[in-house]
Amino acid sequence: MIKRNKILLRNIDWGIVTIYIFIIFFGYINLYSVSSEKADKQVVWILLSFFFIFFVFLFRPVHYKYFTPFFFLITLLLLIGVFFFGKNVNGSKSWYVFGPISFQPSELSKISTSLMIAYLMSQYNNKMLFYSCVIFILPATLIFFQPDPGSSIVFFSFLLTLYREGLSIYFILYFLFSIVLFVLSLNIPPWIIVLFLFIFFIFFLKKKRKNISFVDLFFYIFLFFIFSSISIFSSFLSQKFLKKHHRDRINILFQNEFDKKYRENVGYNLLYSKTAIGSGRFFGKGYQKGTVTKGKFVPEQHTDYIFCTVGEEWGFIGSIIFIAFYLFFISRIYFLSERQKDVFGRVFGYSVGNIILTHFVINLGMVMGIFPTIGIVLPFFSYGGSSLWSFTILLFIFVRMDASDQTNFI
């Protein structure tokens, strides 16, 4: 047993572990610059995350595969239960609170959904592509209705995983187009969008009339009805389930945070986030010398907007180095995923990489005004125990799988 553990430790990818520790440490010192009180709490979350790593390594990959269906079912029940027993935080009923302890079941569901898709694909290969889509749509839908649209969007990163396993690129393009229709439906009456789609399809069919078969015609008509339904349904969902501040955060992308309508409410964070990043210039103002950071002008700077501290105090150079480290970290996950001998490990690894990549891209896009503010944290970097633990468990389950894969231990 001792020899086996030594071999397992020797085959751990210490490159990923090193970058993980670097990101956590760099996140801590930036958090300390924002709030020393929250940084002290973060130390506790960090130390506990090492306990979770130890706990993860107690199980072998075969155990994760065996318990995956049960774990997925439990997280679905937790997502349903939050509607009845959850606490409303920032307009979303997405938290369980037990005294001083609170957690979001949506964080657990990222782990269970990753495992469940890996389980299905390892059992049935690409025959389960459609059912795998259903698997991630279930938790995404429940989370959307909390309402927590930001967290629900992350689940569509599984489309990238399934694309690696053979899913057509058109499914991803259809999804992106559906997102565009959803955003447009917030400001444009659905009948105008449907009319535009109808005109587009008429011109499209007219152009292809010589080479189009009956089956193709049926498919294009089906697409028209699907996209029209999405537009109408999106308008209904946005009015019925999204709060006003959710809609305003999307609308601000098409207007201006300096507008009086947004400057003192939903545009306030974005305004000062961009101010902080821009004021850092090339080399930054220096550690703990950021005036916007010290003035606490950005209310959520310790969580969603933590990157603006990097921009202000470390400047363009520091930001680029940090981004490069992060992208290398994600690239390494993809590399390890591709070399897995077991389908379960490969699919799970790609899911881990895609979830982290989605969080990373959306979070940086938020603080720079490219994407709306939708409550997406920067993995391993933002303040909070719930997100740090879930990402740590997600990552180190894969590190454990990879180490076992290299030693042929199951």
Protein backbone atom coordinates (compact mmCIF):
# COMPACT_ATOMS: atom_id res chain seq x y z
CA MET A 1 0.00 0.00 0.00
CA ILE A 2 2.84 2.41 0.90
CA LYS A 3 4.61 1.66 -2.39
CA ARG A 4 1.37 2.19 -4.28
CA ASN A 5 0.80 5.60 -2.63
CA LYS A 6 4.36 6.67 -3.44
CA ILE A 7 3.86 5.78 -7.10
CA LEU A 8 0.53 7.63 -7.12
CA LEU A 9 2.10 10.78 -5.60
CA ARG A 10 4.98 10.62 -8.05
CA ASN A 11 2.53 10.58 -10.97
CA ILE A 12 0.49 13.56 -9.82
CA ASP A 13 0.80 16.42 -12.32
CA TRP A 14 2.65 18.83 -10.04
CA GLY A 15 2.56 21.53 -12.73
CA ILE A 16 -1.21 21.90 -12.29
CA VAL A 17 -0.87 21.75 -8.50
CA THR A 18 1.81 24.49 -8.56
CA ILE A 19 -0.28 26.85 -10.69
CA TYR A 20 -3.33 26.10 -8.50
CA ILE A 21 -1.36 27.19 -5.42
CA PHE A 22 -0.02 30.28 -7.26
CA ILE A 23 -3.53 31.41 -8.30
CA ILE A 24 -4.87 30.91 -4.76
CA PHE A 25 -1.92 32.81 -3.23
CA PHE A 26 -2.13 35.66 -5.75
CA GLY A 27 -5.88 35.82 -5.16
CA TYR A 28 -5.29 36.05 -1.41
CA ILE A 29 -2.83 38.96 -1.61
CA ASN A 30 -5.19 40.85 -3.94
CA LEU A 31 -8.11 40.14 -1.63
CA TYR A 32 -6.01 41.42 1.30
CA SER A 33 -5.56 44.67 -0.60
CA VAL A 34 -9.36 44.96 -0.91
CA SER A 35 -10.28 43.83 2.62
CA SER A 36 -7.94 42.39 5.25
CA GLU A 37 -10.97 41.12 7.21
CA LYS A 38 -12.24 39.05 4.26
CA ALA A 39 -8.69 37.91 3.51
CA ASP A 40 -8.44 36.46 7.04
CA LYS A 41 -11.63 34.48 6.42
CA GLN A 42 -10.30 33.34 3.06
CA VAL A 43 -7.29 31.78 4.81
CA VAL A 44 -9.71 29.48 6.64
CA TRP A 45 -11.42 28.51 3.35
CA ILE A 46 -8.00 27.87 1.76
CA LEU A 47 -6.83 25.63 4.61
CA LEU A 48 -10.10 23.69 4.49
CA SER A 49 -9.70 23.27 0.73
CA PHE A 50 -6.50 21.29 1.40
CA PHE A 51 -8.54 19.00 3.62
CA PHE A 52 -10.95 18.44 0.71
CA ILE A 53 -7.99 17.58 -1.54
CA PHE A 54 -6.92 14.92 0.97
CA PHE A 55 -10.51 13.63 1.12
CA VAL A 56 -10.75 13.46 -2.69
CA PHE A 57 -7.58 11.33 -2.86
CA LEU A 58 -9.03 8.77 -0.45
CA PHE A 59 -11.32 7.53 -3.25
CA ARG A 60 -10.30 5.70 -6.39
CA PRO A 61 -11.72 6.69 -9.82
CA VAL A 62 -13.86 3.54 -9.88
CA HIS A 63 -15.64 4.80 -6.75
CA TYR A 64 -16.48 8.12 -8.41
CA LYS A 65 -17.87 6.27 -11.41
CA TYR A 66 -19.97 3.97 -9.24
CA PHE A 67 -21.54 6.70 -7.08
CA THR A 68 -22.04 9.25 -9.88
CA PRO A 69 -25.77 8.54 -10.60
CA PHE A 70 -26.62 8.80 -6.89
CA PHE A 71 -24.63 12.02 -6.48
CA PHE A 72 -26.32 13.57 -9.52
CA LEU A 73 -29.78 12.65 -8.22
CA ILE A 74 -28.99 14.16 -4.80
CA THR A 75 -27.85 17.46 -6.34
CA LEU A 76 -31.02 17.63 -8.45
CA LEU A 77 -33.09 17.17 -5.27
CA LEU A 78 -31.05 19.90 -3.57
CA LEU A 79 -31.71 22.25 -6.51
CA ILE A 80 -35.44 21.55 -6.25
CA GLY A 81 -35.44 21.87 -2.47
CA VAL A 82 -33.87 25.32 -2.57
CA PHE A 83 -37.18 26.68 -3.94
CA PHE A 84 -38.86 25.62 -0.70
CA PHE A 85 -36.13 25.83 1.94
CA GLY A 86 -33.56 28.20 0.41
CA LYS A 87 -32.75 31.73 1.49
CA ASN A 88 -33.15 34.70 -0.84
CA VAL A 89 -29.76 36.39 -1.37
CA ASN A 90 -29.39 39.32 -3.79
CA GLY A 91 -32.72 38.54 -5.43
CA SER A 92 -31.99 34.83 -6.01
CA LYS A 93 -33.28 31.94 -3.91
CA SER A 94 -30.21 29.81 -4.43
CA TRP A 95 -28.65 29.34 -0.98
CA TYR A 96 -29.13 26.90 1.88
CA VAL A 97 -28.32 28.57 5.19
CA PHE A 98 -27.73 26.65 8.42
CA GLY A 99 -26.65 29.17 11.04
CA PRO A 100 -23.17 30.44 10.07
CA ILE A 101 -22.90 27.83 7.30
CA SER A 102 -24.27 28.48 3.82
CA PHE A 103 -23.77 26.85 0.43
CA GLN A 104 -25.12 26.94 -3.11
CA PRO A 105 -26.28 23.61 -4.53
CA SER A 106 -25.48 25.00 -7.99
CA GLU A 107 -21.78 24.67 -7.10
CA LEU A 108 -22.20 20.98 -6.25
CA SER A 109 -24.22 20.40 -9.40
CA LYS A 110 -21.27 21.47 -11.58
CA ILE A 111 -19.31 18.56 -10.10
CA SER A 112 -22.15 16.03 -10.30
CA THR A 113 -23.12 17.02 -13.86
CA SER A 114 -19.49 16.72 -15.02
CA LEU A 115 -19.30 13.26 -13.49
CA MET A 116 -22.70 12.21 -14.88
CA ILE A 117 -21.88 13.20 -18.46
CA ALA A 118 -18.52 11.40 -18.15
CA TYR A 119 -20.35 8.35 -16.78
CA LEU A 120 -22.86 8.25 -19.68
CA MET A 121 -20.21 8.77 -22.35
CA SER A 122 -17.94 6.10 -20.86
CA GLN A 123 -20.80 3.59 -20.74
CA TYR A 124 -22.38 4.24 -24.13
CA ASN A 125 -19.91 6.46 -26.06
CA ASN A 126 -21.38 8.95 -28.55
CA LYS A 127 -24.77 7.18 -28.55
CA MET A 128 -25.52 9.26 -25.44
CA LEU A 129 -24.77 12.70 -26.91
CA PHE A 130 -28.42 13.74 -26.97
CA TYR A 131 -29.13 12.40 -23.48
CA SER A 132 -26.01 14.13 -22.19
CA CYS A 133 -27.49 17.42 -23.40
CA VAL A 134 -30.63 16.67 -21.38
CA ILE A 135 -28.44 15.90 -18.34
CA PHE A 136 -26.90 19.40 -18.19
CA ILE A 137 -30.10 21.20 -19.27
CA LEU A 138 -31.95 19.84 -16.20
CA PRO A 139 -29.79 21.60 -13.54
CA ALA A 140 -29.33 24.64 -15.81
CA THR A 141 -33.12 25.09 -16.01
CA LEU A 142 -33.63 24.70 -12.26
CA ILE A 143 -30.87 27.25 -11.57
CA PHE A 144 -32.29 29.69 -14.13
CA PHE A 145 -35.64 29.73 -12.35
CA GLN A 146 -34.08 30.53 -8.93
CA PRO A 147 -33.38 32.99 -10.72
CA ASP A 148 -29.62 32.75 -11.21
CA PRO A 149 -29.12 33.14 -14.98
CA GLY A 150 -25.35 33.59 -14.66
CA SER A 151 -24.76 30.20 -13.04
CA SER A 152 -27.15 28.50 -15.47
CA ILE A 153 -25.16 29.77 -18.48
CA VAL A 154 -22.03 28.01 -17.17
CA PHE A 155 -23.71 24.63 -17.72
CA PHE A 156 -23.76 25.21 -21.46
CA SER A 157 -19.98 24.89 -21.38
CA PHE A 158 -20.72 21.14 -21.51
CA LEU A 159 -21.56 21.67 -25.19
CA LEU A 160 -17.81 22.13 -25.74
CA THR A 161 -17.15 18.82 -23.98
CA LEU A 162 -19.73 17.04 -26.11
CA TYR A 163 -18.32 18.71 -29.24
CA ARG A 164 -15.01 16.99 -28.44
CA GLU A 165 -16.95 13.72 -28.26
CA GLY A 166 -18.67 14.18 -31.62
CA LEU A 167 -21.52 16.66 -31.18
CA SER A 168 -22.13 18.70 -34.34
CA ILE A 169 -20.81 22.28 -34.32
CA TYR A 170 -24.27 23.39 -35.44
CA PHE A 171 -25.66 22.68 -31.97
CA ILE A 172 -23.23 25.21 -30.51
CA LEU A 173 -24.10 27.74 -33.21
CA TYR A 174 -27.83 27.21 -32.55
CA PHE A 175 -27.21 27.80 -28.85
CA LEU A 176 -25.28 31.02 -29.50
CA PHE A 177 -28.04 32.24 -31.81
CA SER A 178 -30.61 31.40 -29.12
CA ILE A 179 -28.65 33.56 -26.65
CA VAL A 180 -28.72 36.43 -29.16
CA LEU A 181 -32.50 36.02 -29.53
CA PHE A 182 -32.91 35.98 -25.76
CA VAL A 183 -30.96 39.24 -25.35
CA LEU A 184 -32.84 40.90 -28.21
CA SER A 185 -36.18 39.87 -26.72
CA LEU A 186 -35.47 42.01 -23.65
CA ASN A 187 -35.83 45.19 -25.70
CA ILE A 188 -37.56 44.25 -28.95
CA PRO A 189 -41.17 42.95 -29.15
CA PRO A 190 -41.17 39.25 -30.11
CA TRP A 191 -43.40 39.80 -33.16
CA ILE A 192 -40.72 42.03 -34.73
CA ILE A 193 -38.06 39.34 -34.22
CA VAL A 194 -40.40 36.67 -35.65
CA LEU A 195 -41.13 38.90 -38.67
CA PHE A 196 -37.39 39.42 -39.22
CA LEU A 197 -36.78 35.65 -38.98
CA PHE A 198 -39.61 35.01 -41.44
CA ILE A 199 -38.19 37.47 -44.00
CA PHE A 200 -34.71 36.00 -43.56
CA PHE A 201 -35.93 32.43 -44.11
CA ILE A 202 -37.98 33.47 -47.19
CA PHE A 203 -34.90 35.09 -48.80
CA PHE A 204 -32.75 32.13 -47.75
CA LEU A 205 -35.16 29.57 -49.26
CA LYS A 206 -35.60 31.66 -52.41
CA LYS A 207 -31.84 31.66 -52.93
CA LYS A 208 -31.57 27.89 -52.37
CA ARG A 209 -34.78 26.90 -54.20
CA LYS A 210 -32.98 25.02 -57.00
CA ASN A 211 -30.90 22.81 -54.71
CA ILE A 212 -33.28 22.26 -51.82
CA SER A 213 -34.94 18.90 -51.14
CA PHE A 214 -38.21 18.27 -49.33
CA VAL A 215 -36.30 17.08 -46.24
CA ASP A 216 -34.18 20.26 -46.24
CA LEU A 217 -37.32 22.39 -46.63
CA PHE A 218 -38.94 20.65 -43.67
CA PHE A 219 -35.78 21.16 -41.59
CA TYR A 220 -35.58 24.90 -42.36
CA ILE A 221 -39.26 25.39 -41.56
CA PHE A 222 -38.69 23.49 -38.32
CA LEU A 223 -35.77 25.81 -37.48
CA PHE A 224 -37.95 28.86 -38.15
CA PHE A 225 -40.59 27.64 -35.70
CA ILE A 226 -37.93 26.73 -33.13
CA PHE A 227 -36.22 30.14 -33.23
CA SER A 228 -39.57 31.95 -33.29
CA SER A 229 -40.67 29.98 -30.23
CA ILE A 230 -37.39 30.79 -28.49
CA SER A 231 -37.94 34.49 -29.11
CA ILE A 232 -41.52 34.43 -27.77
CA PHE A 233 -40.66 32.17 -24.85
CA SER A 234 -37.57 34.27 -24.00
CA SER A 235 -39.68 37.40 -23.82
CA PHE A 236 -42.09 35.61 -21.47
CA LEU A 237 -39.25 34.25 -19.29
CA SER A 238 -37.45 37.58 -19.03
CA GLN A 239 -40.62 39.36 -17.93
CA LYS A 240 -41.84 36.61 -15.63
CA PHE A 241 -38.71 35.30 -13.93
CA LEU A 242 -35.85 37.77 -14.39
CA LYS A 243 -35.69 40.61 -11.89
CA LYS A 244 -35.46 44.19 -13.13
CA HIS A 245 -31.78 44.41 -12.14
CA HIS A 246 -31.03 41.29 -14.23
CA ARG A 247 -32.59 42.89 -17.30
CA ASP A 248 -30.84 46.21 -16.62
CA ARG A 249 -27.45 44.49 -16.40
CA ILE A 250 -27.96 43.09 -19.89
CA ASN A 251 -29.42 46.30 -21.31
CA ILE A 252 -26.45 48.36 -20.09
CA LEU A 253 -24.23 46.61 -22.66
CA PHE A 254 -26.17 48.34 -25.43
CA GLN A 255 -26.19 51.74 -23.74
CA ASN A 256 -23.63 53.35 -21.43
CA GLU A 257 -22.74 53.02 -17.77
CA PHE A 258 -22.29 56.81 -17.69
CA ASP A 259 -25.99 57.21 -18.51
CA LYS A 260 -27.88 58.78 -15.59
CA LYS A 261 -30.34 55.89 -15.78
CA TYR A 262 -27.61 53.38 -14.81
CA ARG A 263 -24.72 55.36 -13.32
CA GLU A 264 -25.97 55.30 -9.74
CA ASN A 265 -27.35 51.72 -9.73
CA VAL A 266 -26.55 48.77 -12.02
CA GLY A 267 -23.85 50.68 -13.91
CA TYR A 268 -22.01 51.81 -10.78
CA ASN A 269 -19.86 48.68 -10.39
CA LEU A 270 -18.93 48.59 -14.06
CA LEU A 271 -18.11 52.30 -14.15
CA TYR A 272 -15.61 52.11 -11.30
CA SER A 273 -14.28 48.70 -12.36
CA LYS A 274 -13.26 50.11 -15.75
CA THR A 275 -11.91 53.22 -13.99
CA ALA A 276 -9.74 51.05 -11.72
CA ILE A 277 -8.38 48.92 -14.56
CA GLY A 278 -7.66 51.94 -16.76
CA SER A 279 -5.94 53.85 -13.96
CA GLY A 280 -3.40 51.03 -13.53
CA ARG A 281 -1.89 51.89 -16.93
CA PHE A 282 1.17 49.86 -17.97
CA PHE A 283 2.94 48.94 -14.72
CA GLY A 284 0.18 49.54 -12.16
CA LYS A 285 0.06 51.78 -9.11
CA GLY A 286 1.76 49.24 -6.86
CA TYR A 287 0.52 46.75 -4.29
CA GLN A 288 -2.01 48.28 -1.86
CA LYS A 289 -1.67 51.66 -3.60
CA GLY A 290 -4.82 51.49 -5.72
CA THR A 291 -6.95 54.55 -4.97
CA VAL A 292 -10.17 53.04 -6.34
CA THR A 293 -9.51 49.84 -4.39
CA LYS A 294 -8.66 51.67 -1.16
CA GLY A 295 -11.65 53.96 -1.58
CA LYS A 296 -13.91 50.88 -1.84
CA PHE A 297 -15.71 52.36 -4.84
CA VAL A 298 -16.47 48.90 -6.30
CA PRO A 299 -18.98 47.17 -3.96
CA GLU A 300 -18.36 43.58 -5.15
CA GLN A 301 -14.61 43.96 -5.61
CA HIS A 302 -13.80 41.00 -3.35
CA THR A 303 -15.90 38.55 -5.42
CA ASP A 304 -17.10 39.17 -8.98
CA TYR A 305 -14.90 42.24 -9.56
CA ILE A 306 -11.64 41.07 -7.96
CA PHE A 307 -9.78 41.30 -11.29
CA CYS A 308 -10.07 45.11 -11.34
CA THR A 309 -7.70 45.10 -8.33
CA VAL A 310 -5.15 43.28 -10.49
CA GLY A 311 -5.61 45.85 -13.27
CA GLU A 312 -5.23 48.83 -10.95
CA GLU A 313 -2.33 47.67 -8.75
CA TRP A 314 -0.39 45.42 -11.14
CA GLY A 315 -1.18 47.21 -14.40
CA PHE A 316 -1.26 45.86 -17.94
CA ILE A 317 1.94 43.81 -17.48
CA GLY A 318 0.72 42.13 -14.28
CA SER A 319 -2.69 41.44 -15.82
CA ILE A 320 -1.17 39.85 -18.94
CA ILE A 321 1.13 37.64 -16.84
CA PHE A 322 -1.81 36.54 -14.68
CA ILE A 323 -3.98 35.81 -17.74
CA ALA A 324 -1.11 33.85 -19.33
CA PHE A 325 -0.73 31.72 -16.19
CA TYR A 326 -4.45 31.07 -16.12
CA LEU A 327 -4.64 30.11 -19.79
CA PHE A 328 -1.63 27.79 -19.38
CA PHE A 329 -3.42 26.24 -16.39
CA ILE A 330 -6.56 25.54 -18.49
CA SER A 331 -4.47 24.34 -21.45
CA ARG A 332 -2.71 21.87 -19.15
CA ILE A 333 -6.08 20.46 -18.07
CA TYR A 334 -7.00 19.92 -21.73
CA PHE A 335 -3.63 18.27 -22.40
CA LEU A 336 -4.05 15.86 -19.49
CA SER A 337 -7.63 15.16 -20.57
CA GLU A 338 -6.53 14.18 -24.06
CA ARG A 339 -3.97 11.68 -22.81
CA GLN A 340 -6.46 9.78 -20.59
CA LYS A 341 -6.77 6.11 -21.47
CA ASP A 342 -10.25 5.94 -19.93
CA VAL A 343 -13.19 7.74 -21.60
CA PHE A 344 -14.58 8.61 -18.16
CA GLY A 345 -11.42 10.52 -17.24
CA ARG A 346 -11.16 12.24 -20.64
CA VAL A 347 -14.75 13.52 -20.68
CA PHE A 348 -14.59 14.60 -17.05
CA GLY A 349 -11.28 16.41 -17.64
CA TYR A 350 -12.67 18.35 -20.59
CA SER A 351 -15.71 19.28 -18.49
CA VAL A 352 -13.42 20.63 -15.75
CA GLY A 353 -11.42 22.67 -18.25
CA ASN A 354 -14.51 24.04 -19.98
CA ILE A 355 -16.22 25.07 -16.73
CA ILE A 356 -13.11 26.92 -15.54
CA LEU A 357 -12.60 28.50 -18.99
CA THR A 358 -16.23 29.71 -19.10
CA HIS A 359 -15.95 31.26 -15.63
CA PHE A 360 -12.64 32.88 -16.55
CA VAL A 361 -13.83 34.39 -19.85
CA ILE A 362 -17.18 35.63 -18.51
CA ASN A 363 -15.68 37.08 -15.32
CA LEU A 364 -13.01 39.06 -17.19
CA GLY A 365 -15.63 40.11 -19.72
CA MET A 366 -17.85 41.36 -16.88
CA VAL A 367 -15.26 43.58 -15.25
CA MET A 368 -14.37 45.11 -18.63
CA GLY A 369 -17.96 45.63 -19.78
CA ILE A 370 -17.89 43.03 -22.58
CA PHE A 371 -20.46 40.79 -20.83
CA PRO A 372 -23.24 41.73 -18.42
CA THR A 373 -22.74 41.41 -14.66
CA ILE A 374 -24.22 37.98 -13.96
CA GLY A 375 -22.52 36.93 -10.73
CA ILE A 376 -19.75 34.73 -12.16
CA VAL A 377 -16.71 34.42 -9.87
CA LEU A 378 -13.09 33.99 -10.93
CA PRO A 379 -12.20 30.38 -9.96
CA PHE A 380 -9.68 29.95 -7.10
CA PHE A 381 -9.28 33.74 -6.99
CA SER A 382 -12.51 35.37 -5.82
CA TYR A 383 -13.53 35.47 -2.16
CA GLY A 384 -15.81 32.72 -0.86
CA GLY A 385 -15.55 29.24 0.57
CA SER A 386 -18.37 27.65 -1.40
CA SER A 387 -16.89 28.41 -4.83
CA LEU A 388 -13.28 27.73 -3.78
CA TRP A 389 -14.17 24.32 -2.36
CA SER A 390 -16.31 23.27 -5.33
CA PHE A 391 -13.63 24.24 -7.87
CA THR A 392 -10.93 22.57 -5.77
CA ILE A 393 -12.91 19.33 -5.54
CA LEU A 394 -13.71 19.49 -9.26
CA LEU A 395 -10.04 19.99 -10.18
CA PHE A 396 -8.53 17.43 -7.82
CA ILE A 397 -10.97 14.67 -8.69
CA PHE A 398 -9.49 15.00 -12.17
CA VAL A 399 -5.90 15.21 -10.82
CA ARG A 400 -6.63 12.00 -8.89
CA MET A 401 -8.00 10.35 -12.05
CA ASP A 402 -4.97 11.41 -14.08
CA ALA A 403 -2.50 10.11 -11.49
CA SER A 404 -4.30 6.77 -11.37
CA ASP A 405 -4.49 6.62 -15.17
CA GLN A 406 -0.71 7.02 -15.43
CA THR A 407 -0.11 4.25 -12.87
CA ASN A 408 -2.89 1.96 -14.17
CA PHE A 409 -4.54 2.03 -10.73
CA ILE A 410 -8.35 1.99 -10.99
